[in-house]
Amino acid sequence: MNQKISPRGNQHYKISSLAEKPHLLEKCKEINNSIIQNSKRATTGSIPAYEMKSEASMKYWDEIFVEFPEYQVLLYDSKKEPEVIAVGHTVPFSWNGESEGLPEGWDGVLETAVTEKRKGITPNTLSALFVMVNPDYQRKGYSVVILKAMKQVCFQNNLKWFIVPVRPMLKVCYPLISIHDYVNWRVPSKSNPKELVAYDPWLRLHYKLGAKFLKVATKSVVVRASIQDWEEWTGLKFFCSSDFVIPGALSTVHFDLEKNEGVYYEPNIWVKYSLESSVCL
């Protein structure tokens, strides 16, 4: 990979894989930790820490750095190395190209990728997991650079498809709204008021870059934990069995006092990019 690019006109930024720059691993993890926040202060641009408490995440997340370093994309400043601007986490897996054949969501594709790698199954598809932009460099277009670099990884590894389980960033403001309704919300385009575009800015960006809707994943991330854990993570108290709105969540969390359990099903939106044309970075 190791490509030189110039977002915003700066000639010093480069893209490499973690396999090419293993000494930047800790910097990558620092950026991840800065984005994955305690839900007591989670914002629309962050990921609540409890989302990383799913069974799949707890079991397989750290494995991607060991099993797939060549699929972890780094954007860094060659003049300030080891300064990392952004990270793109992806995993390869085998898919039949049909919506019905997709993993359930983020959890499913992470588990599938790691288990298939251990079984020696040849992948044909790349799935994004996260785009993490260093907070000091956000809102400068680097997420687009990382997404394009992810797509380039597909070409370099002769993969057939590039897909993304999109976490719609403003869904956190509408946890009571069905994801099936939310995904269809449209607003007038700022550049062309007669054109309707996706309401959610992260989903809208994917569509703008050429992605196409595949399906909704209603249980993309599943977090099942004790009520005590949820109270520690959120700073809230849950005195009855019911559905609760909690900070950072895209849908409600169901609490069952008798079972001493809270269950969160996070919805995502599967989209697919065309790989028919080359990518210009």
Protein backbone atom coordinates (compact mmCIF):
# COMPACT_ATOMS: atom_id res chain seq x y z
CA MET A 1 0.00 0.00 0.00
CA ASN A 2 2.26 2.81 1.30
CA GLN A 3 0.72 5.53 -0.88
CA LYS A 4 1.37 9.24 -0.80
CA ILE A 5 -1.73 11.43 -0.83
CA SER A 6 -2.52 15.07 -0.34
CA PRO A 7 -5.87 15.71 1.39
CA ARG A 8 -6.54 19.40 1.85
CA GLY A 9 -3.43 20.10 -0.23
CA ASN A 10 -0.92 18.75 2.30
CA GLN A 11 1.80 16.71 0.60
CA HIS A 12 3.05 14.99 3.74
CA TYR A 13 0.21 12.54 4.39
CA LYS A 14 0.65 8.89 3.51
CA ILE A 15 -1.44 5.74 3.68
CA SER A 16 0.02 2.43 4.79
CA SER A 17 -1.21 -0.77 6.35
CA LEU A 18 -0.49 -1.78 9.92
CA ALA A 19 1.53 -4.68 8.48
CA GLU A 20 3.82 -2.09 6.86
CA LYS A 21 3.94 0.12 9.96
CA PRO A 22 3.64 -2.23 12.98
CA HIS A 23 5.31 0.31 15.26
CA LEU A 24 2.18 2.50 14.93
CA LEU A 25 -0.08 -0.08 16.62
CA GLU A 26 -0.18 1.70 19.96
CA LYS A 27 -0.95 5.02 18.26
CA CYS A 28 -3.86 3.32 16.50
CA LYS A 29 -5.18 2.01 19.79
CA GLU A 30 -4.86 5.47 21.34
CA ILE A 31 -7.11 6.88 18.61
CA ASN A 32 -9.58 4.03 19.10
CA ASN A 33 -9.72 4.74 22.82
CA SER A 34 -10.30 8.43 22.19
CA ILE A 35 -13.34 7.64 20.02
CA ILE A 36 -14.76 4.79 22.10
CA GLN A 37 -15.99 6.80 25.05
CA ASN A 38 -17.63 6.21 28.36
CA SER A 39 -21.36 6.51 27.62
CA LYS A 40 -21.77 9.14 30.34
CA ARG A 41 -20.12 11.58 27.94
CA ALA A 42 -20.71 9.89 24.57
CA THR A 43 -21.59 12.20 21.68
CA THR A 44 -22.97 11.68 18.18
CA GLY A 45 -19.43 11.34 16.83
CA SER A 46 -18.25 8.81 19.39
CA ILE A 47 -18.87 5.15 20.11
CA PRO A 48 -20.08 4.23 23.61
CA ALA A 49 -17.68 1.91 25.43
CA TYR A 50 -20.41 -0.61 26.18
CA GLU A 51 -20.72 -1.29 22.45
CA MET A 52 -17.37 -3.06 22.70
CA LYS A 53 -18.82 -5.40 25.34
CA SER A 54 -20.62 -7.63 22.86
CA GLU A 55 -19.62 -11.28 22.96
CA ALA A 56 -18.05 -11.08 19.50
CA SER A 57 -16.12 -7.91 20.30
CA MET A 58 -14.81 -9.25 23.59
CA LYS A 59 -13.67 -12.45 21.91
CA TYR A 60 -12.42 -11.31 18.51
CA TRP A 61 -11.66 -7.56 18.40
CA ASP A 62 -8.01 -7.80 19.47
CA GLU A 63 -7.53 -10.63 16.98
CA ILE A 64 -7.83 -8.33 13.97
CA PHE A 65 -4.45 -6.77 14.80
CA VAL A 66 -2.88 -10.23 14.83
CA GLU A 67 -4.79 -11.96 12.02
CA PHE A 68 -5.33 -9.02 9.65
CA PRO A 69 -2.65 -6.32 10.05
CA GLU A 70 -2.53 -5.88 6.26
CA TYR A 71 -6.23 -4.89 6.33
CA GLN A 72 -5.85 -2.14 8.97
CA VAL A 73 -5.43 1.15 7.09
CA LEU A 74 -3.36 4.00 8.53
CA LEU A 75 -3.31 7.64 7.49
CA TYR A 76 -0.30 9.42 8.94
CA ASP A 77 1.85 12.49 8.51
CA SER A 78 5.26 11.45 7.18
CA LYS A 79 6.78 14.62 8.67
CA LYS A 80 5.36 13.96 12.14
CA GLU A 81 5.51 10.17 12.36
CA PRO A 82 4.38 8.50 14.59
CA GLU A 83 1.47 10.95 14.40
CA VAL A 84 -1.54 8.97 13.13
CA ILE A 85 -4.36 10.99 11.56
CA ALA A 86 -6.93 8.26 11.07
CA VAL A 87 -7.38 4.50 11.10
CA GLY A 88 -9.63 2.26 9.03
CA HIS A 89 -10.39 -1.16 10.49
CA THR A 90 -11.48 -3.83 8.03
CA VAL A 91 -11.71 -7.62 7.85
CA PRO A 92 -11.91 -10.01 4.87
CA PHE A 93 -14.39 -12.88 4.69
CA SER A 94 -16.27 -15.08 2.23
CA TRP A 95 -19.72 -13.98 1.01
CA ASN A 96 -22.07 -15.23 -1.70
CA GLY A 97 -23.06 -11.72 -2.82
CA GLU A 98 -26.69 -12.05 -1.70
CA SER A 99 -28.27 -9.86 0.99
CA GLU A 100 -29.67 -12.97 2.66
CA GLY A 101 -26.15 -14.37 2.93
CA LEU A 102 -24.77 -11.44 4.91
CA PRO A 103 -23.70 -11.91 8.52
CA GLU A 104 -26.19 -10.48 11.02
CA GLY A 105 -24.10 -7.33 11.29
CA TRP A 106 -20.94 -5.94 12.89
CA ASP A 107 -20.65 -8.75 15.42
CA GLY A 108 -21.35 -11.38 12.81
CA VAL A 109 -18.83 -10.21 10.23
CA LEU A 110 -16.09 -9.84 12.86
CA GLU A 111 -16.64 -13.39 14.13
CA THR A 112 -16.96 -14.80 10.60
CA ALA A 113 -13.72 -13.20 9.43
CA VAL A 114 -11.62 -14.48 12.32
CA THR A 115 -13.08 -18.01 12.34
CA GLU A 116 -12.77 -18.33 8.56
CA LYS A 117 -9.15 -17.22 8.69
CA ARG A 118 -8.39 -19.92 11.24
CA LYS A 119 -10.08 -22.51 9.02
CA GLY A 120 -8.10 -21.40 5.97
CA ILE A 121 -11.16 -20.23 4.01
CA THR A 122 -10.26 -17.89 1.14
CA PRO A 123 -12.04 -14.51 1.43
CA ASN A 124 -13.68 -12.67 -1.47
CA THR A 125 -15.15 -9.67 0.38
CA LEU A 126 -13.89 -6.84 2.56
CA SER A 127 -16.02 -5.40 5.34
CA ALA A 128 -15.29 -2.15 7.12
CA LEU A 129 -15.64 -2.18 10.89
CA PHE A 130 -14.67 1.33 11.98
CA VAL A 131 -13.33 4.58 10.59
CA MET A 132 -11.51 6.27 13.47
CA VAL A 133 -10.29 9.84 12.97
CA ASN A 134 -7.96 11.40 15.51
CA PRO A 135 -10.06 14.04 17.36
CA ASP A 136 -7.44 16.68 16.49
CA TYR A 137 -8.10 16.10 12.78
CA GLN A 138 -11.85 15.60 12.60
CA ARG A 139 -14.14 17.44 10.18
CA LYS A 140 -11.38 17.81 7.61
CA GLY A 141 -12.39 15.11 5.15
CA TYR A 142 -10.11 12.32 6.37
CA SER A 143 -12.92 9.81 6.77
CA VAL A 144 -13.41 10.00 2.99
CA VAL A 145 -9.70 9.36 2.45
CA ILE A 146 -9.85 6.29 4.69
CA LEU A 147 -12.98 4.93 2.98
CA LYS A 148 -11.33 5.27 -0.42
CA ALA A 149 -8.20 3.59 0.92
CA MET A 150 -10.33 0.70 2.21
CA LYS A 151 -11.75 0.30 -1.26
CA GLN A 152 -8.24 0.26 -2.66
CA VAL A 153 -7.40 -2.61 -0.29
CA CYS A 154 -10.05 -4.66 -2.10
CA PHE A 155 -8.28 -4.17 -5.43
CA GLN A 156 -4.88 -4.96 -3.98
CA ASN A 157 -6.12 -8.22 -2.48
CA ASN A 158 -8.28 -9.25 -5.45
CA LEU A 159 -11.47 -9.14 -3.41
CA LYS A 160 -14.84 -8.98 -5.15
CA TRP A 161 -16.94 -6.79 -2.85
CA PHE A 162 -16.53 -3.99 -0.30
CA ILE A 163 -19.35 -3.70 2.23
CA VAL A 164 -19.99 -1.64 5.36
CA PRO A 165 -22.30 -2.14 8.36
CA VAL A 166 -23.00 1.59 8.74
CA ARG A 167 -23.63 2.92 12.25
CA PRO A 168 -25.94 5.88 11.48
CA MET A 169 -24.51 8.67 13.60
CA LEU A 170 -27.70 10.67 14.26
CA LYS A 171 -29.81 7.63 15.11
CA VAL A 172 -28.58 8.23 18.67
CA CYS A 173 -30.97 11.22 18.72
CA TYR A 174 -33.92 9.00 17.77
CA PRO A 175 -33.60 5.76 19.79
CA LEU A 176 -37.38 5.22 19.80
CA ILE A 177 -37.66 5.31 16.01
CA SER A 178 -37.46 2.02 14.11
CA ILE A 179 -34.31 1.67 12.02
CA HIS A 180 -36.57 0.58 9.15
CA ASP A 181 -38.21 4.02 9.25
CA TYR A 182 -35.02 5.95 9.97
CA VAL A 183 -33.15 4.53 6.98
CA ASN A 184 -35.80 6.01 4.67
CA TRP A 185 -35.71 9.56 6.09
CA ARG A 186 -34.80 12.09 3.42
CA VAL A 187 -34.06 15.83 3.38
CA PRO A 188 -33.42 18.32 0.54
CA SER A 189 -29.81 18.43 -0.62
CA LYS A 190 -27.97 21.63 0.29
CA SER A 191 -26.49 21.84 -3.21
CA ASN A 192 -29.76 21.00 -4.97
CA PRO A 193 -32.92 21.53 -2.88
CA LYS A 194 -34.96 19.58 -5.43
CA GLU A 195 -32.89 16.47 -4.73
CA LEU A 196 -33.69 14.40 -1.65
CA VAL A 197 -30.78 12.79 0.20
CA ALA A 198 -30.43 10.59 3.28
CA TYR A 199 -31.07 12.46 6.51
CA ASP A 200 -28.24 10.73 8.37
CA PRO A 201 -24.91 12.41 7.44
CA TRP A 202 -22.78 9.27 7.73
CA LEU A 203 -25.18 7.23 5.62
CA ARG A 204 -25.45 10.16 3.20
CA LEU A 205 -21.66 10.23 2.81
CA HIS A 206 -21.55 6.54 1.94
CA TYR A 207 -24.25 7.04 -0.70
CA LYS A 208 -22.39 10.06 -2.08
CA LEU A 209 -19.25 7.94 -2.46
CA GLY A 210 -21.17 5.33 -4.44
CA ALA A 211 -22.47 2.86 -1.87
CA LYS A 212 -25.82 1.16 -2.39
CA PHE A 213 -28.27 0.04 0.27
CA LEU A 214 -28.32 -3.72 0.92
CA LYS A 215 -30.40 -4.35 4.04
CA VAL A 216 -30.99 -3.34 7.64
CA ALA A 217 -29.21 -5.30 10.35
CA THR A 218 -31.48 -4.99 13.39
CA LYS A 219 -29.11 -6.91 15.68
CA SER A 220 -25.76 -5.79 14.33
CA VAL A 221 -24.23 -5.49 17.80
CA VAL A 222 -25.67 -7.43 20.73
CA VAL A 223 -24.65 -6.47 24.26
CA ARG A 224 -26.00 -8.65 27.06
CA ALA A 225 -24.86 -7.82 30.58
CA SER A 226 -25.95 -7.60 34.21
CA ILE A 227 -27.91 -4.61 35.45
CA GLN A 228 -24.98 -3.75 37.69
CA ASP A 229 -22.70 -3.53 34.65
CA TRP A 230 -25.15 -1.32 32.79
CA GLU A 231 -25.46 0.98 35.81
CA GLU A 232 -21.69 1.28 36.00
CA TRP A 233 -21.37 1.97 32.26
CA THR A 234 -24.14 4.56 32.11
CA GLY A 235 -24.26 6.14 35.57
CA LEU A 236 -28.01 5.44 35.63
CA LYS A 237 -30.22 3.33 37.92
CA PHE A 238 -32.75 0.83 36.57
CA PHE A 239 -35.50 0.22 39.12
CA CYS A 240 -37.96 -1.75 37.01
CA SER A 241 -38.17 -4.15 34.11
CA SER A 242 -38.72 -2.04 31.01
CA ASP A 243 -37.14 -0.52 27.90
CA PHE A 244 -34.82 2.38 28.68
CA VAL A 245 -33.19 5.10 26.61
CA ILE A 246 -29.52 5.31 27.58
CA PRO A 247 -26.71 7.66 26.48
CA GLY A 248 -25.07 6.74 23.19
CA ALA A 249 -27.48 3.97 22.21
CA LEU A 250 -29.21 3.84 18.83
CA SER A 251 -32.17 1.93 20.26
CA THR A 252 -33.57 1.17 23.68
CA VAL A 253 -32.07 -1.32 26.13
CA HIS A 254 -34.43 -3.86 27.65
CA PHE A 255 -33.92 -4.56 31.35
CA ASP A 256 -35.28 -7.59 33.16
CA LEU A 257 -34.84 -7.36 36.92
CA GLU A 258 -35.82 -10.97 37.50
CA LYS A 259 -33.06 -12.15 35.15
CA ASN A 260 -30.70 -9.36 36.30
CA GLU A 261 -30.03 -8.60 32.67
CA GLY A 262 -29.98 -5.73 30.21
CA VAL A 263 -29.95 -6.47 26.48
CA TYR A 264 -29.07 -4.00 23.75
CA TYR A 265 -29.59 -4.67 20.06
CA GLU A 266 -27.84 -2.05 17.97
CA PRO A 267 -29.16 -1.59 14.44
CA ASN A 268 -26.84 -0.89 11.52
CA ILE A 269 -27.34 -0.53 7.78
CA TRP A 270 -25.50 -2.75 5.32
CA VAL A 271 -24.27 -0.96 2.18
CA LYS A 272 -22.15 -2.19 -0.73
CA TYR A 273 -19.63 -0.33 -2.88
CA SER A 274 -19.04 -1.01 -6.55
CA LEU A 275 -15.53 -2.10 -7.44
CA GLU A 276 -15.95 -1.69 -11.17
CA SER A 277 -13.82 1.43 -11.42
CA SER A 278 -10.39 2.24 -10.09
CA VAL A 279 -9.92 4.41 -7.05
CA CYS A 280 -8.07 7.69 -7.21
CA LEU A 281 -6.66 8.88 -3.90
